[in-house]
C-alpha atoms as a PDB file:
ATOM      1  CA  MET A   1      14.006  12.146 -18.443  1.00  0.00           C
ATOM      2  CA  SER A   2      14.411   8.560 -17.244  1.00  0.00           C
ATOM      3  CA  SER A   3      11.699   6.535 -15.569  1.00  0.00           C
ATOM      4  CA  LYS A   4      13.558   7.045 -12.243  1.00  0.00           C
ATOM      5  CA  ASP A   5      12.947  10.801 -12.521  1.00  0.00           C
ATOM      6  CA  THR A   6       9.175  10.557 -12.729  1.00  0.00           C
ATOM      7  CA  PRO A   7       7.047  12.376 -10.138  1.00  0.00           C
ATOM      8  CA  ALA A   8       5.728   8.995  -8.892  1.00  0.00           C
ATOM      9  CA  ASP A   9       9.272   8.158  -7.774  1.00  0.00           C
ATOM     10  CA  ALA A  10       9.930  11.439  -6.028  1.00  0.00           C
ATOM     11  CA  PRO A  11      10.433  12.538  -3.347  1.00  0.00           C
ATOM     12  CA  SER A  12       9.964   9.554  -1.061  1.00  0.00           C
ATOM     13  CA  GLY A  13      10.971   6.598  -3.140  1.00  0.00           C
ATOM     14  CA  PRO A  14       9.947   4.219  -5.919  1.00  0.00           C
ATOM     15  CA  LEU A  15       6.542   2.628  -6.151  1.00  0.00           C
ATOM     16  CA  MET A  16       6.068  -1.024  -5.207  1.00  0.00           C
ATOM     17  CA  PRO A  17       3.130  -3.355  -4.669  1.00  0.00           C
ATOM     18  CA  LEU A  18       2.138  -3.595  -0.992  1.00  0.00           C
ATOM     19  CA  ALA A  19       2.996  -7.275  -1.168  1.00  0.00           C
ATOM     20  CA  GLN A  20       6.678  -6.313  -1.269  1.00  0.00           C
ATOM     21  CA  ALA A  21       6.598  -4.170   1.861  1.00  0.00           C
ATOM     22  CA  ASP A  22       8.546  -5.466   4.846  1.00  0.00           C
ATOM     23  CA  GLU A  23       7.056  -6.076   8.292  1.00  0.00           C
ATOM     24  CA  GLY A  24       7.372  -2.941  10.421  1.00  0.00           C
ATOM     25  CA  GLN A  25       7.722  -0.697   7.349  1.00  0.00           C
ATOM     26  CA  GLU A  26       5.643   2.473   7.186  1.00  0.00           C
ATOM     27  CA  VAL A  27       4.283   3.174   3.715  1.00  0.00           C
ATOM     28  CA  GLU A  28       2.067   5.672   1.908  1.00  0.00           C
ATOM     29  CA  LEU A  29      -0.682   4.476  -0.434  1.00  0.00           C
ATOM     30  CA  VAL A  30      -0.135   6.008  -3.864  1.00  0.00           C
ATOM     31  CA  SER A  31      -2.708   4.269  -6.101  1.00  0.00           C
ATOM     32  CA  LEU A  32      -4.984   1.274  -6.460  1.00  0.00           C
ATOM     33  CA  THR A  33      -4.941  -0.779  -9.669  1.00  0.00           C
ATOM     34  CA  GLY A  34      -8.384  -2.296  -9.651  1.00  0.00           C
ATOM     35  CA  GLY A  35     -11.985  -1.605 -10.542  1.00  0.00           C
ATOM     36  CA  ARG A  36     -14.429   0.733  -8.856  1.00  0.00           C
ATOM     37  CA  GLN A  37     -15.731  -1.902  -6.494  1.00  0.00           C
ATOM     38  CA  PHE A  38     -12.206  -2.781  -5.331  1.00  0.00           C
ATOM     39  CA  GLN A  39     -11.332   0.921  -4.847  1.00  0.00           C
ATOM     40  CA  HIS A  40     -14.620   1.585  -3.015  1.00  0.00           C
ATOM     41  CA  ARG A  41     -14.096  -1.393  -0.702  1.00  0.00           C
ATOM     42  CA  LEU A  42     -10.629  -0.205   0.319  1.00  0.00           C
ATOM     43  CA  ALA A  43     -11.766   3.421   0.629  1.00  0.00           C
ATOM     44  CA  GLU A  44     -14.417   2.325   3.102  1.00  0.00           C
ATOM     45  CA  MET A  45     -11.571   0.908   5.244  1.00  0.00           C
ATOM     46  CA  GLY A  46      -9.662   4.210   5.006  1.00  0.00           C
ATOM     47  CA  LEU A  47      -7.219   3.062   2.339  1.00  0.00           C
ATOM     48  CA  VAL A  48      -7.177   6.031  -0.005  1.00  0.00           C
ATOM     49  CA  PRO A  49      -4.256   7.685  -1.835  1.00  0.00           C
ATOM     50  CA  GLY A  50      -2.164   9.584   0.673  1.00  0.00           C
ATOM     51  CA  ALA A  51      -3.018   7.314   3.610  1.00  0.00           C
ATOM     52  CA  LYS A  52       0.049   6.305   5.645  1.00  0.00           C
ATOM     53  CA  PHE A  53       0.114   3.015   7.549  1.00  0.00           C
ATOM     54  CA  ARG A  54       2.454   0.413   9.015  1.00  0.00           C
ATOM     55  CA  VAL A  55       2.780  -3.172   7.830  1.00  0.00           C
ATOM     56  CA  LEU A  56       2.460  -5.418  10.901  1.00  0.00           C
ATOM     57  CA  THR A  57       2.718  -8.855   9.288  1.00  0.00           C
ATOM     58  CA  ASN A  58       3.477  -9.978   5.768  1.00  0.00           C
ATOM     59  CA  SER A  59       3.273 -13.762   5.777  1.00  0.00           C
ATOM     60  CA  ARG A  60       3.795 -14.328   2.084  1.00  0.00           C
ATOM     61  CA  PRO A  61       1.764 -15.788   0.445  1.00  0.00           C
ATOM     62  CA  GLY A  62      -0.854 -15.290   3.127  1.00  0.00           C
ATOM     63  CA  PRO A  63      -2.808 -12.221   4.084  1.00  0.00           C
ATOM     64  CA  LEU A  64      -1.100  -8.994   5.150  1.00  0.00           C
ATOM     65  CA  ILE A  65      -2.009  -7.112   8.341  1.00  0.00           C
ATOM     66  CA  ILE A  66      -1.616  -3.376   8.588  1.00  0.00           C
ATOM     67  CA  SER A  67      -2.147  -0.740  11.237  1.00  0.00           C
ATOM     68  CA  LEU A  68      -4.115   2.258  10.042  1.00  0.00           C
ATOM     69  CA  ARG A  69      -5.220   4.987  12.469  1.00  0.00           C
ATOM     70  CA  GLY A  70      -5.182   2.617  15.440  1.00  0.00           C
ATOM     71  CA  ALA A  71      -7.079  -0.189  13.683  1.00  0.00           C
ATOM     72  CA  ARG A  72      -5.664  -3.469  12.396  1.00  0.00           C
ATOM     73  CA  LEU A  73      -6.784  -4.434   8.946  1.00  0.00           C
ATOM     74  CA  MET A  74      -6.232  -7.726   7.123  1.00  0.00           C
ATOM     75  CA  ILE A  75      -5.798  -7.537   3.395  1.00  0.00           C
ATOM     76  CA  GLY A  76      -5.898 -10.673   1.252  1.00  0.00           C
ATOM     77  CA  TYR A  77      -2.910 -11.827  -0.762  1.00  0.00           C
ATOM     78  CA  GLY A  78      -4.625 -11.173  -4.096  1.00  0.00           C
ATOM     79  CA  MET A  79      -5.466  -7.618  -3.101  1.00  0.00           C
ATOM     80  CA  VAL A  80      -2.056  -6.547  -1.883  1.00  0.00           C
ATOM     81  CA  HIS A  81      -0.613  -6.885  -5.428  1.00  0.00           C
ATOM     82  CA  ARG A  82      -3.056  -4.208  -6.643  1.00  0.00           C
ATOM     83  CA  VAL A  83      -2.170  -1.649  -3.981  1.00  0.00           C
ATOM     84  CA  LEU A  84       0.803   0.557  -4.928  1.00  0.00           C
ATOM     85  CA  VAL A  85       2.752   2.167  -2.128  1.00  0.00           C
ATOM     86  CA  ARG A  86       6.041   3.939  -1.445  1.00  0.00           C
ATOM     87  CA  PRO A  87       8.042   4.305   1.756  1.00  0.00           C
ATOM     88  CA  ALA A  88       6.513   6.980   3.982  1.00  0.00           C
ATOM     89  CA  VAL A  89       8.555  10.023   4.889  1.00  0.00           C
END
């Protein structure tokens, strides 16, 4: 089994850091690669595994703005590299 056949890659696509998502792209949060405090902070904003949201702006290397359940959230450049997503179905 190759790395492309792993469950994390199926069925909706390969994992990527949120920093690589394009503006207008809808993604699904898969995992957070950070400590408890980081995970707790994002969970309080509704960013938990399985959450689907749209990237509104991605002004690399600046903050990223997403739309999640009707709210706009700004996520700092350092944080978006620790959020793993895949294209939403």
